[in-house]
C-alpha cells in the first residue's frame, strides 16, 4: 500500500518538477537581467532548488537532488552573486531542464555522471579563479 502511494506521489512529483522548471527559468531570467543583483529572484531560485533537492530523491530522482544540492551549496558559499555566479547557476538550471525533458529517473547512469561531473568541473574552475 505504501508503494502504491509513493508511485502515485511520484507521478505528482513529475508535474511539480515540470512546474518548477518554468519557475526556475523565470527566476533565472530575472537574475540574468540584473547580472545577479536581484535578491528576490535569487531567493526564489534558492527556494525552488531547495524544495526540489528535498523532494526529488524520495520520488526516484536522486540526480535532481544532486543538481539542486550543488546549486544551493554554490549560492550559500558565494560571497556575492554577479554575472559569473549567475552563469554557473544557469548551468544548473539548464541541467535540470535537460533532466526534465529527457525524463531521466534514478541517478541517470552515464549521462547523470557526465552531467554532475561537468557541473563539478565548472564549480572547480570558478573556485580556482577566485
Foldseek 3Di string as FASTA:
>chain_A
DVVVVLQVVLVVVLVVLVVLLVLLVVLLVVCQVQQNPDPVSVVSNLVSLVVQLVPQVSNFANLSVLLSVLLNVLVVPDPGRGNLNSVLNVLSSVVSVVCSVVVQGHCNPPVNVVSSVVSVVSVVVVVVVD
